[in-house]
Amino acid sequence: MCRLDVSEDGKTALVDLAQGDMRKVLNILQSTSMAFPKVTEDTVYMCVGHPLKSDITSIVTWLLNEPFSYTYRRILIVLRSSYATPYCYRRTSFVQRRYCSQ
């Protein structure tokens, strides 16, 4: 018998990301439990490559309150630290050359 340490916010994240598909819930749960000692909202989102709610909140705050070039650089840091793929870097290079050359 397998015992998993799953928090309440982890359960909510599983249900939200699976969108009603029990197979997805089981797949995400299995992947997260193998990658992390505890299944929490953050570990579930990190496991599937979904942005954390805290990252989204930060990005919105930067967009509303900071200059574009600062916001863009901060977003790149967030992407590189957790979610970005080489495709994301290629797609953002145009914006970086055009608007953030400062």
PDB file of N, CA and C in Angstrom:
ATOM      1  N   MET A   1       0.845  -1.180   0.000  1.00  0.00           N
ATOM      2  CA  MET A   1       0.000   0.000   0.000  1.00  0.00           C
ATOM      3  C   MET A   1       0.888   1.240   0.000  1.00  0.00           C
ATOM      4  N   CYS A   2       0.544   2.193  -0.818  1.00  0.00           N
ATOM      5  CA  CYS A   2       1.319   3.416  -0.966  1.00  0.00           C
ATOM      6  C   CYS A   2       0.672   4.555  -0.175  1.00  0.00           C
ATOM      7  N   ARG A   3       1.476   5.246   0.610  1.00  0.00           N
ATOM      8  CA  ARG A   3       0.973   6.400   1.362  1.00  0.00           C
ATOM      9  C   ARG A   3       1.545   7.659   0.742  1.00  0.00           C
ATOM     10  N   LEU A   4       0.659   8.571   0.380  1.00  0.00           N
ATOM     11  CA  LEU A   4       1.075   9.836  -0.204  1.00  0.00           C
ATOM     12  C   LEU A   4       0.763  10.966   0.759  1.00  0.00           C
ATOM     13  N   ASP A   5       1.639  11.941   0.794  1.00  0.00           N
ATOM     14  CA  ASP A   5       1.425  13.139   1.600  1.00  0.00           C
ATOM     15  C   ASP A   5       0.876  14.216   0.665  1.00  0.00           C
ATOM     16  N   VAL A   6      -0.438  14.418   0.692  1.00  0.00           N
ATOM     17  CA  VAL A   6      -1.109  15.354  -0.219  1.00  0.00           C
ATOM     18  C   VAL A   6      -1.828  16.409   0.608  1.00  0.00           C
ATOM     19  N   SER A   7      -1.511  17.676   0.338  1.00  0.00           N
ATOM     20  CA  SER A   7      -2.181  18.770   1.053  1.00  0.00           C
ATOM     21  C   SER A   7      -3.526  19.089   0.394  1.00  0.00           C
ATOM     22  N   GLU A   8      -4.336  19.856   1.096  1.00  0.00           N
ATOM     23  CA  GLU A   8      -5.648  20.244   0.544  1.00  0.00           C
ATOM     24  C   GLU A   8      -5.489  21.091  -0.711  1.00  0.00           C
ATOM     25  N   ASP A   9      -4.539  22.041  -0.698  1.00  0.00           N
ATOM     26  CA  ASP A   9      -4.348  22.864  -1.896  1.00  0.00           C
ATOM     27  C   ASP A   9      -3.779  22.031  -3.039  1.00  0.00           C
ATOM     28  N   GLY A  10      -3.048  20.961  -2.703  1.00  0.00           N
ATOM     29  CA  GLY A  10      -2.568  20.034  -3.730  1.00  0.00           C
ATOM     30  C   GLY A  10      -3.711  19.293  -4.397  1.00  0.00           C
ATOM     31  N   LYS A  11      -4.680  18.877  -3.591  1.00  0.00           N
ATOM     32  CA  LYS A  11      -5.869  18.213  -4.154  1.00  0.00           C
ATOM     33  C   LYS A  11      -6.639  19.164  -5.065  1.00  0.00           C
ATOM     34  N   THR A  12      -6.790  20.398  -4.621  1.00  0.00           N
ATOM     35  CA  THR A  12      -7.506  21.395  -5.427  1.00  0.00           C
ATOM     36  C   THR A  12      -6.779  21.643  -6.748  1.00  0.00           C
ATOM     37  N   ALA A  13      -5.458  21.743  -6.697  1.00  0.00           N
ATOM     38  CA  ALA A  13      -4.674  21.953  -7.919  1.00  0.00           C
ATOM     39  C   ALA A  13      -4.828  20.776  -8.877  1.00  0.00           C
ATOM     40  N   LEU A  14      -4.827  19.564  -8.346  1.00  0.00           N
ATOM     41  CA  LEU A  14      -5.019  18.374  -9.190  1.00  0.00           C
ATOM     42  C   LEU A  14      -6.351  18.432  -9.921  1.00  0.00           C
ATOM     43  N   VAL A  15      -7.398  18.749  -9.189  1.00  0.00           N
ATOM     44  CA  VAL A  15      -8.745  18.809  -9.780  1.00  0.00           C
ATOM     45  C   VAL A  15      -8.831  19.932 -10.812  1.00  0.00           C
ATOM     46  N   ASP A  16      -8.265  21.094 -10.480  1.00  0.00           N
ATOM     47  CA  ASP A  16      -8.307  22.234 -11.406  1.00  0.00           C
ATOM     48  C   ASP A  16      -7.585  21.926 -12.713  1.00  0.00           C
ATOM     49  N   LEU A  17      -6.380  21.377 -12.606  1.00  0.00           N
ATOM     50  CA  LEU A  17      -5.593  21.106 -13.812  1.00  0.00           C
ATOM     51  C   LEU A  17      -6.164  19.968 -14.652  1.00  0.00           C
ATOM     52  N   ALA A  18      -6.792  19.004 -14.011  1.00  0.00           N
ATOM     53  CA  ALA A  18      -7.325  17.854 -14.750  1.00  0.00           C
ATOM     54  C   ALA A  18      -8.637  18.171 -15.457  1.00  0.00           C
ATOM     55  N   GLN A  19      -9.320  19.202 -15.040  1.00  0.00           N
ATOM     56  CA  GLN A  19     -10.574  19.635 -15.671  1.00  0.00           C
ATOM     57  C   GLN A  19     -11.580  18.490 -15.811  1.00  0.00           C
ATOM     58  N   GLY A  20     -11.731  17.733 -14.754  1.00  0.00           N
ATOM     59  CA  GLY A  20     -12.741  16.683 -14.737  1.00  0.00           C
ATOM     60  C   GLY A  20     -12.311  15.335 -15.288  1.00  0.00           C
ATOM     61  N   ASP A  21     -11.096  15.207 -15.753  1.00  0.00           N
ATOM     62  CA  ASP A  21     -10.599  13.952 -16.325  1.00  0.00           C
ATOM     63  C   ASP A  21      -9.823  13.187 -15.247  1.00  0.00           C
ATOM     64  N   MET A  22     -10.411  12.112 -14.747  1.00  0.00           N
ATOM     65  CA  MET A  22      -9.802  11.347 -13.655  1.00  0.00           C
ATOM     66  C   MET A  22      -8.467  10.737 -14.062  1.00  0.00           C
ATOM     67  N   ARG A  23      -8.313  10.374 -15.323  1.00  0.00           N
ATOM     68  CA  ARG A  23      -7.025   9.831 -15.777  1.00  0.00           C
ATOM     69  C   ARG A  23      -5.920  10.867 -15.617  1.00  0.00           C
ATOM     70  N   LYS A  24      -6.241  12.140 -15.936  1.00  0.00           N
ATOM     71  CA  LYS A  24      -5.256  13.203 -15.756  1.00  0.00           C
ATOM     72  C   LYS A  24      -4.914  13.394 -14.286  1.00  0.00           C
ATOM     73  N   VAL A  25      -5.930  13.324 -13.423  1.00  0.00           N
ATOM     74  CA  VAL A  25      -5.683  13.449 -11.986  1.00  0.00           C
ATOM     75  C   VAL A  25      -4.681  12.392 -11.549  1.00  0.00           C
ATOM     76  N   LEU A  26      -4.916  11.156 -11.952  1.00  0.00           N
ATOM     77  CA  LEU A  26      -4.025  10.064 -11.545  1.00  0.00           C
ATOM     78  C   LEU A  26      -2.628  10.225 -12.131  1.00  0.00           C
ATOM     79  N   ASN A  27      -2.534  10.632 -13.389  1.00  0.00           N
ATOM     80  CA  ASN A  27      -1.224  10.826 -14.019  1.00  0.00           C
ATOM     81  C   ASN A  27      -0.438  11.943 -13.342  1.00  0.00           C
ATOM     82  N   ILE A  28      -1.112  13.072 -13.094  1.00  0.00           N
ATOM     83  CA  ILE A  28      -0.444  14.200 -12.436  1.00  0.00           C
ATOM     84  C   ILE A  28      -0.057  13.833 -11.011  1.00  0.00           C
ATOM     85  N   LEU A  29      -0.950  13.153 -10.305  1.00  0.00           N
ATOM     86  CA  LEU A  29      -0.664  12.728  -8.940  1.00  0.00           C
ATOM     87  C   LEU A  29       0.545  11.792  -8.903  1.00  0.00           C
ATOM     88  N   GLN A  30       0.572  10.842  -9.799  1.00  0.00           N
ATOM     89  CA  GLN A  30       1.695   9.903  -9.839  1.00  0.00           C
ATOM     90  C   GLN A  30       3.001  10.625 -10.150  1.00  0.00           C
ATOM     91  N   SER A  31       2.987  11.503 -11.148  1.00  0.00           N
ATOM     92  CA  SER A  31       4.204  12.229 -11.526  1.00  0.00           C
ATOM     93  C   SER A  31       4.695  13.113 -10.395  1.00  0.00           C
ATOM     94  N   THR A  32       3.773  13.836  -9.774  1.00  0.00           N
ATOM     95  CA  THR A  32       4.156  14.749  -8.696  1.00  0.00           C
ATOM     96  C   THR A  32       4.678  13.993  -7.491  1.00  0.00           C
ATOM     97  N   SER A  33       4.023  12.898  -7.141  1.00  0.00           N
ATOM     98  CA  SER A  33       4.460  12.137  -5.961  1.00  0.00           C
ATOM     99  C   SER A  33       5.816  11.477  -6.185  1.00  0.00           C
ATOM    100  N   MET A  34       6.159  11.189  -7.424  1.00  0.00           N
ATOM    101  CA  MET A  34       7.469  10.601  -7.708  1.00  0.00           C
ATOM    102  C   MET A  34       8.566  11.673  -7.725  1.00  0.00           C
ATOM    103  N   ALA A  35       8.186  12.908  -8.052  1.00  0.00           N
ATOM    104  CA  ALA A  35       9.184  13.975  -8.167  1.00  0.00           C
ATOM    105  C   ALA A  35       9.398  14.746  -6.866  1.00  0.00           C
ATOM    106  N   PHE A  36       8.399  14.779  -6.002  1.00  0.00           N
ATOM    107  CA  PHE A  36       8.462  15.578  -4.778  1.00  0.00           C
ATOM    108  C   PHE A  36       7.993  14.744  -3.586  1.00  0.00           C
ATOM    109  N   PRO A  37       8.540  15.023  -2.392  1.00  0.00           N
ATOM    110  CA  PRO A  37       8.127  14.248  -1.210  1.00  0.00           C
ATOM    111  C   PRO A  37       6.705  14.560  -0.761  1.00  0.00           C
ATOM    112  N   LYS A  38       6.203  15.772  -1.061  1.00  0.00           N
ATOM    113  CA  LYS A  38       4.854  16.153  -0.669  1.00  0.00           C
ATOM    114  C   LYS A  38       4.141  16.757  -1.873  1.00  0.00           C
ATOM    115  N   VAL A  39       2.882  16.394  -2.047  1.00  0.00           N
ATOM    116  CA  VAL A  39       2.077  16.919  -3.154  1.00  0.00           C
ATOM    117  C   VAL A  39       1.345  18.166  -2.643  1.00  0.00           C
ATOM    118  N   THR A  40       1.800  19.327  -3.103  1.00  0.00           N
ATOM    119  CA  THR A  40       1.173  20.599  -2.750  1.00  0.00           C
ATOM    120  C   THR A  40       0.776  21.310  -4.042  1.00  0.00           C
ATOM    121  N   GLU A  41       0.107  22.431  -3.888  1.00  0.00           N
ATOM    122  CA  GLU A  41      -0.274  23.206  -5.072  1.00  0.00           C
ATOM    123  C   GLU A  41       0.962  23.570  -5.898  1.00  0.00           C
ATOM    124  N   ASP A  42       2.000  24.064  -5.243  1.00  0.00           N
ATOM    125  CA  ASP A  42       3.208  24.463  -5.965  1.00  0.00           C
ATOM    126  C   ASP A  42       3.892  23.288  -6.651  1.00  0.00           C
ATOM    127  N   THR A  43       3.983  22.150  -5.966  1.00  0.00           N
ATOM    128  CA  THR A  43       4.662  21.002  -6.590  1.00  0.00           C
ATOM    129  C   THR A  43       3.860  20.440  -7.755  1.00  0.00           C
ATOM    130  N   VAL A  44       2.531  20.475  -7.662  1.00  0.00           N
ATOM    131  CA  VAL A  44       1.698  20.019  -8.779  1.00  0.00           C
ATOM    132  C   VAL A  44       1.910  20.921  -9.984  1.00  0.00           C
ATOM    133  N   TYR A  45       1.855  22.241  -9.770  1.00  0.00           N
ATOM    134  CA  TYR A  45       2.042  23.185 -10.877  1.00  0.00           C
ATOM    135  C   TYR A  45       3.438  23.067 -11.468  1.00  0.00           C
ATOM    136  N   MET A  46       4.465  22.912 -10.615  1.00  0.00           N
ATOM    137  CA  MET A  46       5.823  22.769 -11.133  1.00  0.00           C
ATOM    138  C   MET A  46       5.974  21.487 -11.938  1.00  0.00           C
ATOM    139  N   CYS A  47       5.343  20.424 -11.490  1.00  0.00           N
ATOM    140  CA  CYS A  47       5.467  19.139 -12.167  1.00  0.00           C
ATOM    141  C   CYS A  47       4.887  19.176 -13.581  1.00  0.00           C
ATOM    142  N   VAL A  48       3.777  19.878 -13.765  1.00  0.00           N
ATOM    143  CA  VAL A  48       3.153  19.930 -15.085  1.00  0.00           C
ATOM    144  C   VAL A  48       3.617  21.131 -15.904  1.00  0.00           C
ATOM    145  N   GLY A  49       4.468  21.991 -15.311  1.00  0.00           N
ATOM    146  CA  GLY A  49       4.975  23.141 -16.047  1.00  0.00           C
ATOM    147  C   GLY A  49       4.005  24.303 -16.119  1.00  0.00           C
ATOM    148  N   HIS A  50       3.051  24.328 -15.240  1.00  0.00           N
ATOM    149  CA  HIS A  50       2.065  25.410 -15.198  1.00  0.00           C
ATOM    150  C   HIS A  50       2.604  26.522 -14.302  1.00  0.00           C
ATOM    151  N   PRO A  51       2.423  27.793 -14.675  1.00  0.00           N
ATOM    152  CA  PRO A  51       2.924  28.874 -13.816  1.00  0.00           C
ATOM    153  C   PRO A  51       2.271  28.850 -12.434  1.00  0.00           C
ATOM    154  N   LEU A  52       3.055  29.154 -11.426  1.00  0.00           N
ATOM    155  CA  LEU A  52       2.537  29.237 -10.069  1.00  0.00           C
ATOM    156  C   LEU A  52       1.654  30.477  -9.934  1.00  0.00           C
ATOM    157  N   LYS A  53       0.671  30.398  -9.069  1.00  0.00           N
ATOM    158  CA  LYS A  53      -0.203  31.557  -8.846  1.00  0.00           C
ATOM    159  C   LYS A  53       0.595  32.758  -8.365  1.00  0.00           C
ATOM    160  N   SER A  54       1.598  32.525  -7.551  1.00  0.00           N
ATOM    161  CA  SER A  54       2.427  33.631  -7.059  1.00  0.00           C
ATOM    162  C   SER A  54       3.195  34.297  -8.194  1.00  0.00           C
ATOM    163  N   ASP A  55       3.643  33.512  -9.181  1.00  0.00           N
ATOM    164  CA  ASP A  55       4.335  34.089 -10.337  1.00  0.00           C
ATOM    165  C   ASP A  55       3.378  34.929 -11.175  1.00  0.00           C
ATOM    166  N   ILE A  56       2.170  34.449 -11.375  1.00  0.00           N
ATOM    167  CA  ILE A  56       1.178  35.197 -12.147  1.00  0.00           C
ATOM    168  C   ILE A  56       0.846  36.506 -11.440  1.00  0.00           C
ATOM    169  N   THR A  57       0.686  36.458 -10.126  1.00  0.00           N
ATOM    170  CA  THR A  57       0.407  37.670  -9.356  1.00  0.00           C
ATOM    171  C   THR A  57       1.550  38.671  -9.494  1.00  0.00           C
ATOM    172  N   SER A  58       2.767  38.193  -9.397  1.00  0.00           N
ATOM    173  CA  SER A  58       3.928  39.078  -9.551  1.00  0.00           C
ATOM    174  C   SER A  58       3.961  39.716 -10.931  1.00  0.00           C
ATOM    175  N   ILE A  59       3.732  38.923 -11.965  1.00  0.00           N
ATOM    176  CA  ILE A  59       3.768  39.434 -13.331  1.00  0.00           C
ATOM    177  C   ILE A  59       2.701  40.507 -13.541  1.00  0.00           C
ATOM    178  N   VAL A  60       1.502  40.275 -13.059  1.00  0.00           N
ATOM    179  CA  VAL A  60       0.437  41.270 -13.193  1.00  0.00           C
ATOM    180  C   VAL A  60       0.809  42.554 -12.448  1.00  0.00           C
ATOM    181  N   THR A  61       1.373  42.414 -11.266  1.00  0.00           N
ATOM    182  CA  THR A  61       1.802  43.591 -10.499  1.00  0.00           C
ATOM    183  C   THR A  61       2.871  44.374 -11.252  1.00  0.00           C
ATOM    184  N   TRP A  62       3.848  43.670 -11.813  1.00  0.00           N
ATOM    185  CA  TRP A  62       4.886  44.351 -12.593  1.00  0.00           C
ATOM    186  C   TRP A  62       4.290  45.047 -13.807  1.00  0.00           C
ATOM    187  N   LEU A  63       3.390  44.355 -14.517  1.00  0.00           N
ATOM    188  CA  LEU A  63       2.791  44.947 -15.714  1.00  0.00           C
ATOM    189  C   LEU A  63       2.039  46.231 -15.401  1.00  0.00           C
ATOM    190  N   LEU A  64       1.388  46.261 -14.264  1.00  0.00           N
ATOM    191  CA  LEU A  64       0.580  47.430 -13.907  1.00  0.00           C
ATOM    192  C   LEU A  64       1.395  48.557 -13.272  1.00  0.00           C
ATOM    193  N   ASN A  65       2.560  48.246 -12.716  1.00  0.00           N
ATOM    194  CA  ASN A  65       3.270  49.253 -11.926  1.00  0.00           C
ATOM    195  C   ASN A  65       4.691  49.574 -12.360  1.00  0.00           C
ATOM    196  N   GLU A  66       5.269  48.800 -13.252  1.00  0.00           N
ATOM    197  CA  GLU A  66       6.677  48.986 -13.611  1.00  0.00           C
ATOM    198  C   GLU A  66       6.828  49.285 -15.096  1.00  0.00           C
ATOM    199  N   PRO A  67       7.972  49.862 -15.488  1.00  0.00           N
ATOM    200  CA  PRO A  67       8.239  50.083 -16.913  1.00  0.00           C
ATOM    201  C   PRO A  67       8.312  48.754 -17.678  1.00  0.00           C
ATOM    202  N   PHE A  68       8.023  48.818 -18.970  1.00  0.00           N
ATOM    203  CA  PHE A  68       7.972  47.601 -19.783  1.00  0.00           C
ATOM    204  C   PHE A  68       9.291  46.830 -19.754  1.00  0.00           C
ATOM    205  N   SER A  69      10.406  47.525 -19.941  1.00  0.00           N
ATOM    206  CA  SER A  69      11.693  46.817 -20.020  1.00  0.00           C
ATOM    207  C   SER A  69      12.012  46.086 -18.712  1.00  0.00           C
ATOM    208  N   TYR A  70      11.715  46.707 -17.563  1.00  0.00           N
ATOM    209  CA  TYR A  70      11.918  46.048 -16.271  1.00  0.00           C
ATOM    210  C   TYR A  70      11.026  44.815 -16.167  1.00  0.00           C
ATOM    211  N   THR A  71       9.750  44.982 -16.517  1.00  0.00           N
ATOM    212  CA  THR A  71       8.791  43.875 -16.444  1.00  0.00           C
ATOM    213  C   THR A  71       9.225  42.720 -17.333  1.00  0.00           C
ATOM    214  N   TYR A  72       9.653  43.044 -18.536  1.00  0.00           N
ATOM    215  CA  TYR A  72      10.076  42.012 -19.476  1.00  0.00           C
ATOM    216  C   TYR A  72      11.270  41.224 -18.933  1.00  0.00           C
ATOM    217  N   ARG A  73      12.245  41.932 -18.387  1.00  0.00           N
ATOM    218  CA  ARG A  73      13.421  41.246 -17.821  1.00  0.00           C
ATOM    219  C   ARG A  73      13.026  40.350 -16.650  1.00  0.00           C
ATOM    220  N   ARG A  74      12.135  40.816 -15.793  1.00  0.00           N
ATOM    221  CA  ARG A  74      11.677  40.010 -14.657  1.00  0.00           C
ATOM    222  C   ARG A  74      10.928  38.751 -15.136  1.00  0.00           C
ATOM    223  N   ILE A  75      10.107  38.905 -16.156  1.00  0.00           N
ATOM    224  CA  ILE A  75       9.378  37.752 -16.703  1.00  0.00           C
ATOM    225  C   ILE A  75      10.367  36.724 -17.260  1.00  0.00           C
ATOM    226  N   LEU A  76      11.399  37.190 -17.941  1.00  0.00           N
ATOM    227  CA  LEU A  76      12.402  36.260 -18.458  1.00  0.00           C
ATOM    228  C   LEU A  76      13.085  35.490 -17.334  1.00  0.00           C
ATOM    229  N   ILE A  77      13.349  36.164 -16.234  1.00  0.00           N
ATOM    230  CA  ILE A  77      13.961  35.484 -15.081  1.00  0.00           C
ATOM    231  C   ILE A  77      13.029  34.391 -14.557  1.00  0.00           C
ATOM    232  N   VAL A  78      11.745  34.703 -14.450  1.00  0.00           N
ATOM    233  CA  VAL A  78      10.773  33.710 -13.989  1.00  0.00           C
ATOM    234  C   VAL A  78      10.720  32.535 -14.962  1.00  0.00           C
ATOM    235  N   LEU A  79      10.674  32.825 -16.252  1.00  0.00           N
ATOM    236  CA  LEU A  79      10.612  31.757 -17.254  1.00  0.00           C
ATOM    237  C   LEU A  79      11.843  30.868 -17.196  1.00  0.00           C
ATOM    238  N   ARG A  80      12.995  31.471 -17.121  1.00  0.00           N
ATOM    239  CA  ARG A  80      14.234  30.686 -17.111  1.00  0.00           C
ATOM    240  C   ARG A  80      14.379  29.847 -15.852  1.00  0.00           C
ATOM    241  N   SER A  81      13.813  30.320 -14.765  1.00  0.00           N
ATOM    242  CA  SER A  81      13.976  29.591 -13.515  1.00  0.00           C
ATOM    243  C   SER A  81      13.053  28.389 -13.390  1.00  0.00           C
ATOM    244  N   SER A  82      11.979  28.342 -14.208  1.00  0.00           N
ATOM    245  CA  SER A  82      11.084  27.220 -13.966  1.00  0.00           C
ATOM    246  C   SER A  82      10.300  26.688 -15.148  1.00  0.00           C
ATOM    247  N   TYR A  83       9.884  27.511 -16.096  1.00  0.00           N
ATOM    248  CA  TYR A  83       8.908  27.032 -17.072  1.00  0.00           C
ATOM    249  C   TYR A  83       9.343  27.077 -18.525  1.00  0.00           C
ATOM    250  N   ALA A  84      10.353  27.833 -18.839  1.00  0.00           N
ATOM    251  CA  ALA A  84      10.644  28.120 -20.238  1.00  0.00           C
ATOM    252  C   ALA A  84      11.236  26.925 -20.970  1.00  0.00           C
ATOM    253  N   THR A  85      10.961  26.892 -22.235  1.00  0.00           N
ATOM    254  CA  THR A  85      11.562  25.925 -23.135  1.00  0.00           C
ATOM    255  C   THR A  85      12.398  26.714 -24.136  1.00  0.00           C
ATOM    256  N   PRO A  86      13.262  26.052 -24.891  1.00  0.00           N
ATOM    257  CA  PRO A  86      14.014  26.790 -25.917  1.00  0.00           C
ATOM    258  C   PRO A  86      13.086  27.540 -26.879  1.00  0.00           C
ATOM    259  N   TYR A  87      11.910  26.987 -27.151  1.00  0.00           N
ATOM    260  CA  TYR A  87      10.957  27.668 -28.026  1.00  0.00           C
ATOM    261  C   TYR A  87      10.565  29.027 -27.454  1.00  0.00           C
ATOM    262  N   CYS A  88      10.341  29.085 -26.153  1.00  0.00           N
ATOM    263  CA  CYS A  88       9.985  30.359 -25.508  1.00  0.00           C
ATOM    264  C   CYS A  88      11.094  31.366 -25.688  1.00  0.00           C
ATOM    265  N   TYR A  89      12.343  30.935 -25.563  1.00  0.00           N
ATOM    266  CA  TYR A  89      13.453  31.872 -25.717  1.00  0.00           C
ATOM    267  C   TYR A  89      13.518  32.409 -27.140  1.00  0.00           C
ATOM    268  N   ARG A  90      13.311  31.551 -28.124  1.00  0.00           N
ATOM    269  CA  ARG A  90      13.345  32.018 -29.514  1.00  0.00           C
ATOM    270  C   ARG A  90      12.234  33.020 -29.772  1.00  0.00           C
ATOM    271  N   ARG A  91      11.061  32.760 -29.257  1.00  0.00           N
ATOM    272  CA  ARG A  91       9.913  33.641 -29.491  1.00  0.00           C
ATOM    273  C   ARG A  91      10.087  34.989 -28.803  1.00  0.00           C
ATOM    274  N   THR A  92      10.785  35.036 -27.679  1.00  0.00           N
ATOM    275  CA  THR A  92      10.937  36.298 -26.963  1.00  0.00           C
ATOM    276  C   THR A  92      12.129  37.100 -27.442  1.00  0.00           C
ATOM    277  N   SER A  93      13.008  36.520 -28.238  1.00  0.00           N
ATOM    278  CA  SER A  93      14.200  37.242 -28.654  1.00  0.00           C
ATOM    279  C   SER A  93      13.852  38.458 -29.510  1.00  0.00           C
ATOM    280  N   PHE A  94      12.815  38.386 -30.340  1.00  0.00           N
ATOM    281  CA  PHE A  94      12.409  39.529 -31.146  1.00  0.00           C
ATOM    282  C   PHE A  94      11.984  40.687 -30.260  1.00  0.00           C
ATOM    283  N   VAL A  95      11.155  40.410 -29.276  1.00  0.00           N
ATOM    284  CA  VAL A  95      10.685  41.459 -28.362  1.00  0.00           C
ATOM    285  C   VAL A  95      11.862  42.057 -27.620  1.00  0.00           C
ATOM    286  N   GLN A  96      12.783  41.220 -27.205  1.00  0.00           N
ATOM    287  CA  GLN A  96      13.942  41.695 -26.469  1.00  0.00           C
ATOM    288  C   GLN A  96      14.785  42.636 -27.336  1.00  0.00           C
ATOM    289  N   ARG A  97      15.034  42.279 -28.573  1.00  0.00           N
ATOM    290  CA  ARG A  97      15.836  43.140 -29.457  1.00  0.00           C
ATOM    291  C   ARG A  97      15.108  44.423 -29.757  1.00  0.00           C
ATOM    292  N   ARG A  98      13.805  44.341 -29.943  1.00  0.00           N
ATOM    293  CA  ARG A  98      13.029  45.508 -30.368  1.00  0.00           C
ATOM    294  C   ARG A  98      12.777  46.500 -29.239  1.00  0.00           C
ATOM    295  N   TYR A  99      12.423  46.015 -28.050  1.00  0.00           N
ATOM    296  CA  TYR A  99      11.965  46.904 -26.999  1.00  0.00           C
ATOM    297  C   TYR A  99      12.850  46.986 -25.759  1.00  0.00           C
ATOM    298  N   CYS A 100      13.756  46.075 -25.594  1.00  0.00           N
ATOM    299  CA  CYS A 100      14.517  46.015 -24.345  1.00  0.00           C
ATOM    300  C   CYS A 100      16.020  46.128 -24.565  1.00  0.00           C
ATOM    301  N   SER A 101      16.427  46.845 -25.553  1.00  0.00           N
ATOM    302  CA  SER A 101      17.848  46.934 -25.853  1.00  0.00           C
ATOM    303  C   SER A 101      18.595  47.880 -24.930  1.00  0.00           C
ATOM    304  N   GLN A 102      17.908  48.448 -23.952  1.00  0.00           N
ATOM    305  CA  GLN A 102      18.531  49.417 -23.036  1.00  0.00           C
ATOM    306  C   GLN A 102      19.466  48.747 -22.078  1.00  0.00           C
TER     307      GLN A 102
END
